[in-house]
Amino acid sequence: IEAKRDWIWQTFLAIFIFVGILLAVDNRSIKWMALAVIPVVFGCAATFGILCWAGAHFSQITLMAAPLLVGLGVDDGIHVVHRMREENAKPAAEAAALVGQPIVMTTLTTASSFGVMMFTDHPGMESLAQTLLVGMPMCLLASITLIPAAAVAMGLSKKSPSD
């Protein structure tokens, strides 16, 4: 049975490497790449931690939510990082706030489209939807809170206008 699941980890690794390459080409900086990946790392860890704590059933389809979270979660991070780089005279939190409403709206619309799968009679689709309905807001939360905090801690942005 374990051999049948190798494709899950291979898929996850391939997507993570592909996203890493795209971030490297886009940002040309390890520090900015690391900032953009924060939502994915936090989002996946928090999502599967919450689901384990809640006693959720895991299937192969549930685990396929991880690559989806990588692709969808890094999107918000990219937007925040780009805005911080464009608005480099502004503090990180202020730059992140400028892009906050659009990424909240995209997260809500994408999550609601996956949420429709909660009404199917297919346990796999329901678990995928459940996982993404927990994971996408976690990635959003990390994008608007952890990225600005990490940028200040890494010296990539100032903390306040007086800095």
N, C-alpha and C. Protein backbone atom coordinates (compact mmCIF):
# COMPACT_ATOMS: atom_id res chain seq x y z
N ILE A 1 0.83 -1.20 0.00
CA ILE A 1 0.00 0.00 0.00
C ILE A 1 0.86 1.25 0.00
N GLU A 2 1.97 1.25 0.71
CA GLU A 2 2.83 2.43 0.80
C GLU A 2 3.38 2.82 -0.58
N ALA A 3 3.68 1.85 -1.42
CA ALA A 3 4.21 2.14 -2.75
C ALA A 3 3.19 2.89 -3.60
N LYS A 4 1.92 2.68 -3.35
CA LYS A 4 0.88 3.37 -4.10
C LYS A 4 0.84 4.86 -3.78
N ARG A 5 1.40 5.26 -2.66
CA ARG A 5 1.35 6.66 -2.25
C ARG A 5 2.61 7.44 -2.61
N ASP A 6 3.57 6.81 -3.26
CA ASP A 6 4.79 7.51 -3.64
C ASP A 6 4.50 8.72 -4.52
N TRP A 7 3.51 8.63 -5.37
CA TRP A 7 3.20 9.71 -6.28
C TRP A 7 2.80 10.98 -5.53
N ILE A 8 2.21 10.84 -4.35
CA ILE A 8 1.80 12.02 -3.58
C ILE A 8 3.03 12.84 -3.20
N TRP A 9 4.03 12.18 -2.65
CA TRP A 9 5.23 12.90 -2.21
C TRP A 9 6.02 13.41 -3.40
N GLN A 10 6.05 12.64 -4.48
CA GLN A 10 6.74 13.10 -5.68
C GLN A 10 6.05 14.33 -6.27
N THR A 11 4.74 14.32 -6.28
CA THR A 11 3.98 15.47 -6.77
C THR A 11 4.22 16.69 -5.90
N PHE A 12 4.16 16.49 -4.59
CA PHE A 12 4.39 17.60 -3.66
C PHE A 12 5.79 18.18 -3.85
N LEU A 13 6.79 17.33 -3.94
CA LEU A 13 8.17 17.78 -4.11
C LEU A 13 8.35 18.50 -5.44
N ALA A 14 7.77 17.96 -6.52
CA ALA A 14 7.88 18.59 -7.84
C ALA A 14 7.25 19.98 -7.85
N ILE A 15 6.10 20.10 -7.24
CA ILE A 15 5.42 21.41 -7.20
C ILE A 15 6.21 22.38 -6.34
N PHE A 16 6.71 21.91 -5.20
CA PHE A 16 7.50 22.79 -4.33
C PHE A 16 8.77 23.26 -5.05
N ILE A 17 9.43 22.38 -5.79
CA ILE A 17 10.64 22.75 -6.54
C ILE A 17 10.28 23.74 -7.65
N PHE A 18 9.19 23.47 -8.36
CA PHE A 18 8.76 24.36 -9.44
C PHE A 18 8.45 25.76 -8.90
N VAL A 19 7.73 25.83 -7.80
CA VAL A 19 7.42 27.12 -7.18
C VAL A 19 8.71 27.80 -6.72
N GLY A 20 9.64 27.03 -6.17
CA GLY A 20 10.92 27.59 -5.75
C GLY A 20 11.70 28.19 -6.90
N ILE A 21 11.70 27.51 -8.04
CA ILE A 21 12.38 28.03 -9.22
C ILE A 21 11.73 29.33 -9.70
N LEU A 22 10.40 29.34 -9.74
CA LEU A 22 9.70 30.56 -10.14
C LEU A 22 10.00 31.72 -9.20
N LEU A 23 10.03 31.43 -7.90
CA LEU A 23 10.35 32.48 -6.93
C LEU A 23 11.78 32.97 -7.08
N ALA A 24 12.70 32.06 -7.39
CA ALA A 24 14.10 32.45 -7.59
C ALA A 24 14.24 33.37 -8.80
N VAL A 25 13.57 33.03 -9.88
CA VAL A 25 13.63 33.86 -11.08
C VAL A 25 12.96 35.21 -10.83
N ASP A 26 11.86 35.20 -10.12
CA ASP A 26 11.11 36.42 -9.87
C ASP A 26 11.81 37.35 -8.88
N ASN A 27 12.31 36.82 -7.79
CA ASN A 27 12.86 37.65 -6.71
C ASN A 27 14.36 37.86 -6.77
N ARG A 28 15.08 36.91 -7.29
CA ARG A 28 16.55 36.98 -7.39
C ARG A 28 17.21 37.27 -6.04
N SER A 29 16.60 36.81 -4.99
CA SER A 29 17.12 37.02 -3.64
C SER A 29 16.58 35.93 -2.72
N ILE A 30 17.48 35.28 -2.01
CA ILE A 30 17.07 34.22 -1.09
C ILE A 30 16.16 34.78 0.01
N LYS A 31 16.47 35.96 0.51
CA LYS A 31 15.67 36.54 1.60
C LYS A 31 14.24 36.84 1.14
N TRP A 32 14.08 37.42 -0.05
CA TRP A 32 12.73 37.71 -0.54
C TRP A 32 11.99 36.43 -0.89
N MET A 33 12.73 35.43 -1.39
CA MET A 33 12.11 34.12 -1.66
C MET A 33 11.58 33.52 -0.36
N ALA A 34 12.40 33.59 0.67
CA ALA A 34 12.01 33.04 1.97
C ALA A 34 10.75 33.72 2.49
N LEU A 35 10.66 35.03 2.31
CA LEU A 35 9.45 35.75 2.75
C LEU A 35 8.21 35.26 2.00
N ALA A 36 8.35 35.06 0.70
CA ALA A 36 7.19 34.64 -0.10
C ALA A 36 6.73 33.23 0.25
N VAL A 37 7.63 32.39 0.78
CA VAL A 37 7.30 31.01 1.11
C VAL A 37 6.71 30.87 2.52
N ILE A 38 6.86 31.89 3.33
CA ILE A 38 6.34 31.83 4.71
C ILE A 38 4.87 31.41 4.77
N PRO A 39 3.98 31.98 3.95
CA PRO A 39 2.57 31.57 4.04
C PRO A 39 2.36 30.09 3.74
N VAL A 40 3.13 29.55 2.82
CA VAL A 40 3.00 28.13 2.47
C VAL A 40 3.43 27.24 3.62
N VAL A 41 4.56 27.55 4.19
CA VAL A 41 5.08 26.73 5.29
C VAL A 41 4.14 26.80 6.49
N PHE A 42 3.77 28.02 6.88
CA PHE A 42 2.86 28.19 8.01
C PHE A 42 1.49 27.59 7.69
N GLY A 43 0.98 27.88 6.49
CA GLY A 43 -0.35 27.40 6.12
C GLY A 43 -0.47 25.89 6.13
N CYS A 44 0.51 25.21 5.54
CA CYS A 44 0.47 23.74 5.53
C CYS A 44 0.61 23.16 6.93
N ALA A 45 1.57 23.70 7.70
CA ALA A 45 1.77 23.19 9.07
C ALA A 45 0.53 23.42 9.93
N ALA A 46 -0.02 24.62 9.87
CA ALA A 46 -1.20 24.94 10.69
C ALA A 46 -2.41 24.12 10.24
N THR A 47 -2.58 24.00 8.94
CA THR A 47 -3.74 23.25 8.42
C THR A 47 -3.73 21.81 8.87
N PHE A 48 -2.63 21.12 8.63
CA PHE A 48 -2.59 19.71 9.00
C PHE A 48 -2.53 19.52 10.50
N GLY A 49 -1.98 20.50 11.21
CA GLY A 49 -2.01 20.45 12.67
C GLY A 49 -3.43 20.58 13.20
N ILE A 50 -4.17 21.54 12.66
CA ILE A 50 -5.57 21.74 13.07
C ILE A 50 -6.41 20.51 12.73
N LEU A 51 -6.22 19.99 11.53
CA LEU A 51 -7.01 18.82 11.11
C LEU A 51 -6.69 17.59 11.96
N CYS A 52 -5.42 17.40 12.29
CA CYS A 52 -5.06 16.28 13.18
C CYS A 52 -5.69 16.48 14.55
N TRP A 53 -5.59 17.68 15.07
CA TRP A 53 -6.17 18.00 16.39
C TRP A 53 -7.68 17.77 16.39
N ALA A 54 -8.32 18.10 15.27
CA ALA A 54 -9.77 17.93 15.17
C ALA A 54 -10.19 16.50 14.86
N GLY A 55 -9.22 15.63 14.62
CA GLY A 55 -9.54 14.23 14.34
C GLY A 55 -10.07 13.98 12.95
N ALA A 56 -9.69 14.82 12.00
CA ALA A 56 -10.17 14.67 10.62
C ALA A 56 -9.61 13.40 9.99
N HIS A 57 -10.39 12.85 9.09
CA HIS A 57 -9.97 11.65 8.35
C HIS A 57 -9.05 12.08 7.20
N PHE A 58 -7.93 11.39 7.06
CA PHE A 58 -6.99 11.69 5.99
C PHE A 58 -7.05 10.60 4.93
N SER A 59 -7.09 11.02 3.68
CA SER A 59 -7.06 10.08 2.56
C SER A 59 -6.04 10.61 1.55
N GLN A 60 -5.87 9.88 0.46
CA GLN A 60 -4.95 10.35 -0.57
C GLN A 60 -5.41 11.68 -1.14
N ILE A 61 -6.69 11.85 -1.27
CA ILE A 61 -7.22 13.11 -1.80
C ILE A 61 -6.96 14.26 -0.82
N THR A 62 -7.08 13.99 0.47
CA THR A 62 -6.79 15.02 1.47
C THR A 62 -5.34 15.47 1.36
N LEU A 63 -4.44 14.51 1.18
CA LEU A 63 -3.03 14.85 1.07
C LEU A 63 -2.73 15.63 -0.21
N MET A 64 -3.55 15.49 -1.24
CA MET A 64 -3.36 16.26 -2.46
C MET A 64 -3.68 17.74 -2.24
N ALA A 65 -4.26 18.07 -1.12
CA ALA A 65 -4.49 19.48 -0.81
C ALA A 65 -3.18 20.21 -0.54
N ALA A 66 -2.16 19.48 -0.09
CA ALA A 66 -0.87 20.12 0.21
C ALA A 66 -0.27 20.78 -1.03
N PRO A 67 -0.17 20.09 -2.18
CA PRO A 67 0.33 20.79 -3.37
C PRO A 67 -0.56 21.96 -3.80
N LEU A 68 -1.86 21.80 -3.62
CA LEU A 68 -2.76 22.91 -3.94
C LEU A 68 -2.49 24.10 -3.02
N LEU A 69 -2.27 23.82 -1.74
CA LEU A 69 -1.95 24.90 -0.81
C LEU A 69 -0.63 25.58 -1.15
N VAL A 70 0.32 24.82 -1.66
CA VAL A 70 1.59 25.43 -2.07
C VAL A 70 1.33 26.43 -3.19
N GLY A 71 0.60 26.02 -4.19
CA GLY A 71 0.32 26.90 -5.33
C GLY A 71 -0.56 28.08 -4.98
N LEU A 72 -1.60 27.82 -4.21
CA LEU A 72 -2.53 28.90 -3.86
C LEU A 72 -1.99 29.77 -2.73
N GLY A 73 -1.28 29.18 -1.78
CA GLY A 73 -0.77 29.92 -0.64
C GLY A 73 0.38 30.84 -0.98
N VAL A 74 1.20 30.44 -1.93
CA VAL A 74 2.34 31.28 -2.30
C VAL A 74 1.86 32.52 -3.07
N ASP A 75 0.69 32.44 -3.66
CA ASP A 75 0.14 33.57 -4.42
C ASP A 75 0.02 34.82 -3.55
N ASP A 76 -0.59 34.68 -2.38
CA ASP A 76 -0.74 35.84 -1.48
C ASP A 76 0.63 36.35 -1.04
N GLY A 77 1.53 35.43 -0.76
CA GLY A 77 2.88 35.82 -0.35
C GLY A 77 3.60 36.61 -1.43
N ILE A 78 3.44 36.19 -2.67
CA ILE A 78 4.07 36.90 -3.80
C ILE A 78 3.52 38.32 -3.90
N HIS A 79 2.21 38.46 -3.76
CA HIS A 79 1.61 39.80 -3.84
C HIS A 79 2.13 40.71 -2.73
N VAL A 80 2.21 40.20 -1.53
CA VAL A 80 2.70 41.01 -0.41
C VAL A 80 4.16 41.39 -0.61
N VAL A 81 4.98 40.43 -1.01
CA VAL A 81 6.41 40.70 -1.23
C VAL A 81 6.60 41.73 -2.34
N HIS A 82 5.86 41.57 -3.43
CA HIS A 82 5.98 42.55 -4.52
C HIS A 82 5.59 43.95 -4.06
N ARG A 83 4.51 44.04 -3.31
CA ARG A 83 4.08 45.36 -2.84
C ARG A 83 5.11 45.96 -1.89
N MET A 84 5.69 45.13 -1.03
CA MET A 84 6.71 45.63 -0.10
C MET A 84 7.92 46.14 -0.88
N ARG A 85 8.28 45.46 -1.94
CA ARG A 85 9.43 45.90 -2.74
C ARG A 85 9.12 47.16 -3.52
N GLU A 86 7.88 47.28 -4.01
CA GLU A 86 7.48 48.49 -4.74
C GLU A 86 7.39 49.69 -3.82
N GLU A 87 6.90 49.46 -2.61
CA GLU A 87 6.69 50.54 -1.63
C GLU A 87 7.79 50.50 -0.58
N ASN A 88 9.05 50.40 -1.01
CA ASN A 88 10.15 50.19 -0.06
C ASN A 88 10.35 51.36 0.90
N ALA A 89 9.77 52.51 0.62
CA ALA A 89 9.88 53.64 1.55
C ALA A 89 8.89 53.51 2.71
N LYS A 90 7.90 52.65 2.54
CA LYS A 90 6.88 52.48 3.57
C LYS A 90 7.25 51.31 4.47
N PRO A 91 6.75 51.34 5.72
CA PRO A 91 6.97 50.18 6.60
C PRO A 91 6.30 48.93 6.03
N ALA A 92 6.81 47.78 6.41
CA ALA A 92 6.32 46.50 5.88
C ALA A 92 4.83 46.31 6.13
N ALA A 93 4.37 46.62 7.32
CA ALA A 93 2.95 46.41 7.64
C ALA A 93 2.06 47.30 6.79
N GLU A 94 2.50 48.51 6.53
CA GLU A 94 1.72 49.43 5.71
C GLU A 94 1.68 48.97 4.26
N ALA A 95 2.80 48.52 3.75
CA ALA A 95 2.84 47.99 2.38
C ALA A 95 1.97 46.75 2.25
N ALA A 96 2.00 45.89 3.24
CA ALA A 96 1.15 44.68 3.21
C ALA A 96 -0.33 45.05 3.28
N ALA A 97 -0.64 46.09 4.04
CA ALA A 97 -2.04 46.52 4.15
C ALA A 97 -2.58 47.03 2.82
N LEU A 98 -1.71 47.60 1.99
CA LEU A 98 -2.14 48.11 0.69
C LEU A 98 -2.66 47.01 -0.23
N VAL A 99 -2.14 45.82 -0.06
CA VAL A 99 -2.56 44.69 -0.89
C VAL A 99 -3.51 43.76 -0.12
N GLY A 100 -3.81 44.10 1.12
CA GLY A 100 -4.62 43.25 1.98
C GLY A 100 -6.01 42.95 1.45
N GLN A 101 -6.75 43.99 1.06
CA GLN A 101 -8.12 43.77 0.59
C GLN A 101 -8.17 42.90 -0.67
N PRO A 102 -7.32 43.15 -1.66
CA PRO A 102 -7.38 42.27 -2.85
C PRO A 102 -7.05 40.81 -2.54
N ILE A 103 -6.07 40.55 -1.68
CA ILE A 103 -5.76 39.14 -1.41
C ILE A 103 -6.81 38.49 -0.52
N VAL A 104 -7.46 39.28 0.33
CA VAL A 104 -8.59 38.74 1.10
C VAL A 104 -9.71 38.34 0.15
N MET A 105 -10.00 39.20 -0.82
CA MET A 105 -11.08 38.90 -1.76
C MET A 105 -10.75 37.68 -2.63
N THR A 106 -9.51 37.57 -3.10
CA THR A 106 -9.17 36.40 -3.91
C THR A 106 -9.20 35.13 -3.07
N THR A 107 -8.79 35.22 -1.82
CA THR A 107 -8.84 34.05 -0.95
C THR A 107 -10.29 33.64 -0.70
N LEU A 108 -11.15 34.61 -0.45
CA LEU A 108 -12.57 34.31 -0.21
C LEU A 108 -13.24 33.68 -1.43
N THR A 109 -12.97 34.23 -2.60
CA THR A 109 -13.62 33.67 -3.80
C THR A 109 -13.09 32.28 -4.12
N THR A 110 -11.79 32.07 -3.97
CA THR A 110 -11.22 30.75 -4.25
C THR A 110 -11.69 29.74 -3.21
N ALA A 111 -11.67 30.13 -1.94
CA ALA A 111 -12.12 29.22 -0.88
C ALA A 111 -13.60 28.88 -1.04
N SER A 112 -14.40 29.86 -1.43
CA SER A 112 -15.83 29.57 -1.60
C SER A 112 -16.07 28.60 -2.75
N SER A 113 -15.25 28.70 -3.81
CA SER A 113 -15.43 27.76 -4.91
C SER A 113 -15.05 26.34 -4.49
N PHE A 114 -14.01 26.21 -3.66
CA PHE A 114 -13.67 24.89 -3.13
C PHE A 114 -14.70 24.46 -2.09
N GLY A 115 -15.26 25.41 -1.37
CA GLY A 115 -16.24 25.10 -0.33
C GLY A 115 -17.49 24.43 -0.85
N VAL A 116 -17.81 24.68 -2.10
CA VAL A 116 -18.98 24.04 -2.71
C VAL A 116 -18.84 22.52 -2.69
N MET A 117 -17.59 22.04 -2.72
CA MET A 117 -17.37 20.59 -2.70
C MET A 117 -17.78 19.96 -1.37
N MET A 118 -17.99 20.76 -0.34
CA MET A 118 -18.44 20.22 0.95
C MET A 118 -19.85 19.63 0.83
N PHE A 119 -20.57 20.00 -0.21
CA PHE A 119 -21.95 19.55 -0.37
C PHE A 119 -22.07 18.33 -1.28
N THR A 120 -20.94 17.73 -1.63
CA THR A 120 -20.99 16.51 -2.45
C THR A 120 -21.21 15.30 -1.54
N ASP A 121 -21.48 14.19 -2.16
CA ASP A 121 -21.62 12.94 -1.41
C ASP A 121 -20.35 12.11 -1.52
N HIS A 122 -19.25 12.74 -1.89
CA HIS A 122 -17.98 12.04 -2.05
C HIS A 122 -17.06 12.41 -0.90
N PRO A 123 -16.74 11.45 -0.03
CA PRO A 123 -15.92 11.76 1.15
C PRO A 123 -14.55 12.37 0.80
N GLY A 124 -13.96 11.93 -0.30
CA GLY A 124 -12.66 12.47 -0.70
C GLY A 124 -12.75 13.94 -1.07
N MET A 125 -13.75 14.29 -1.85
CA MET A 125 -13.94 15.68 -2.24
C MET A 125 -14.28 16.56 -1.04
N GLU A 126 -15.07 16.01 -0.14
CA GLU A 126 -15.41 16.75 1.07
C GLU A 126 -14.17 17.00 1.93
N SER A 127 -13.30 16.01 2.04
CA SER A 127 -12.10 16.19 2.84
C SER A 127 -11.12 17.16 2.17
N LEU A 128 -11.06 17.14 0.83
CA LEU A 128 -10.23 18.10 0.11
C LEU A 128 -10.74 19.51 0.35
N ALA A 129 -12.05 19.69 0.25
CA ALA A 129 -12.64 21.00 0.49
C ALA A 129 -12.40 21.46 1.93
N GLN A 130 -12.56 20.56 2.86
CA GLN A 130 -12.34 20.88 4.27
C GLN A 130 -10.90 21.33 4.49
N THR A 131 -9.97 20.62 3.91
CA THR A 131 -8.56 20.95 4.07
C THR A 131 -8.26 22.33 3.48
N LEU A 132 -8.78 22.60 2.30
CA LEU A 132 -8.52 23.90 1.66
C LEU A 132 -9.25 25.04 2.38
N LEU A 133 -10.41 24.74 2.95
CA LEU A 133 -11.13 25.78 3.69
C LEU A 133 -10.44 26.15 4.99
N VAL A 134 -9.62 25.27 5.51
CA VAL A 134 -8.78 25.59 6.67
C VAL A 134 -7.47 26.21 6.19
N GLY A 135 -6.88 25.64 5.15
CA GLY A 135 -5.55 26.03 4.71
C GLY A 135 -5.46 27.39 4.06
N MET A 136 -6.39 27.74 3.22
CA MET A 136 -6.30 29.01 2.52
C MET A 136 -6.35 30.21 3.47
N PRO A 137 -7.26 30.24 4.44
CA PRO A 137 -7.21 31.35 5.40
C PRO A 137 -5.92 31.36 6.23
N MET A 138 -5.36 30.18 6.51
CA MET A 138 -4.08 30.14 7.24
C MET A 138 -2.97 30.79 6.42
N CYS A 139 -2.95 30.51 5.13
CA CYS A 139 -1.95 31.13 4.25
C CYS A 139 -2.16 32.64 4.17
N LEU A 140 -3.41 33.05 4.09
CA LEU A 140 -3.72 34.48 4.07
C LEU A 140 -3.27 35.16 5.36
N LEU A 141 -3.57 34.54 6.47
CA LEU A 141 -3.17 35.10 7.77
C LEU A 141 -1.65 35.26 7.85
N ALA A 142 -0.93 34.26 7.39
CA ALA A 142 0.54 34.35 7.40
C ALA A 142 1.03 35.44 6.46
N SER A 143 0.35 35.61 5.34
CA SER A 143 0.79 36.61 4.36
C SER A 143 0.70 38.03 4.92
N ILE A 144 -0.37 38.31 5.65
CA ILE A 144 -0.55 39.69 6.11
C ILE A 144 0.03 39.95 7.50
N THR A 145 0.46 38.91 8.18
CA THR A 145 1.04 39.13 9.51
C THR A 145 2.50 38.71 9.59
N LEU A 146 2.78 37.48 9.18
CA LEU A 146 4.13 36.95 9.34
C LEU A 146 5.13 37.52 8.34
N ILE A 147 4.70 37.79 7.11
CA ILE A 147 5.63 38.34 6.13
C ILE A 147 6.14 39.72 6.57
N PRO A 148 5.25 40.67 6.95
CA PRO A 148 5.79 41.95 7.39
C PRO A 148 6.68 41.84 8.64
N ALA A 149 6.30 40.98 9.57
CA ALA A 149 7.11 40.81 10.77
C ALA A 149 8.48 40.22 10.42
N ALA A 150 8.49 39.23 9.56
CA ALA A 150 9.76 38.61 9.15
C ALA A 150 10.62 39.59 8.35
N ALA A 151 9.99 40.42 7.53
CA ALA A 151 10.74 41.41 6.75
C ALA A 151 11.46 42.40 7.66
N VAL A 152 10.79 42.82 8.72
CA VAL A 152 11.42 43.72 9.69
C VAL A 152 12.55 42.99 10.42
N ALA A 153 12.28 41.76 10.84
CA ALA A 153 13.30 40.98 11.56
C ALA A 153 14.52 40.69 10.69
N MET A 154 14.31 40.54 9.38
CA MET A 154 15.42 40.26 8.47
C MET A 154 16.10 41.52 7.96
N GLY A 155 15.59 42.68 8.36
CA GLY A 155 16.19 43.94 7.93
C GLY A 155 15.83 44.34 6.51
N LEU A 156 14.78 43.76 5.95
CA LEU A 156 14.37 44.09 4.59
C LEU A 156 13.39 45.25 4.55
N SER A 157 12.87 45.64 5.69
CA SER A 157 11.92 46.73 5.75
C SER A 157 12.04 47.41 7.10
N LYS A 158 11.61 48.66 7.12
CA LYS A 158 11.62 49.36 8.40
C LYS A 158 10.33 49.07 9.15
N LYS A 159 10.42 49.25 10.47
CA LYS A 159 9.30 48.91 11.35
C LYS A 159 8.21 49.98 11.32
N SER A 160 8.62 51.24 11.36
CA SER A 160 7.65 52.33 11.39
C SER A 160 8.19 53.49 10.57
N PRO A 161 7.35 54.50 10.26
CA PRO A 161 7.80 55.63 9.46
C PRO A 161 8.99 56.38 10.05
N SER A 162 9.16 56.34 11.34
CA SER A 162 10.25 57.08 11.98
C SER A 162 11.58 56.34 11.94
N ASP A 163 11.55 55.06 11.54
CA ASP A 163 12.79 54.26 11.49
C ASP A 163 13.67 54.64 10.33
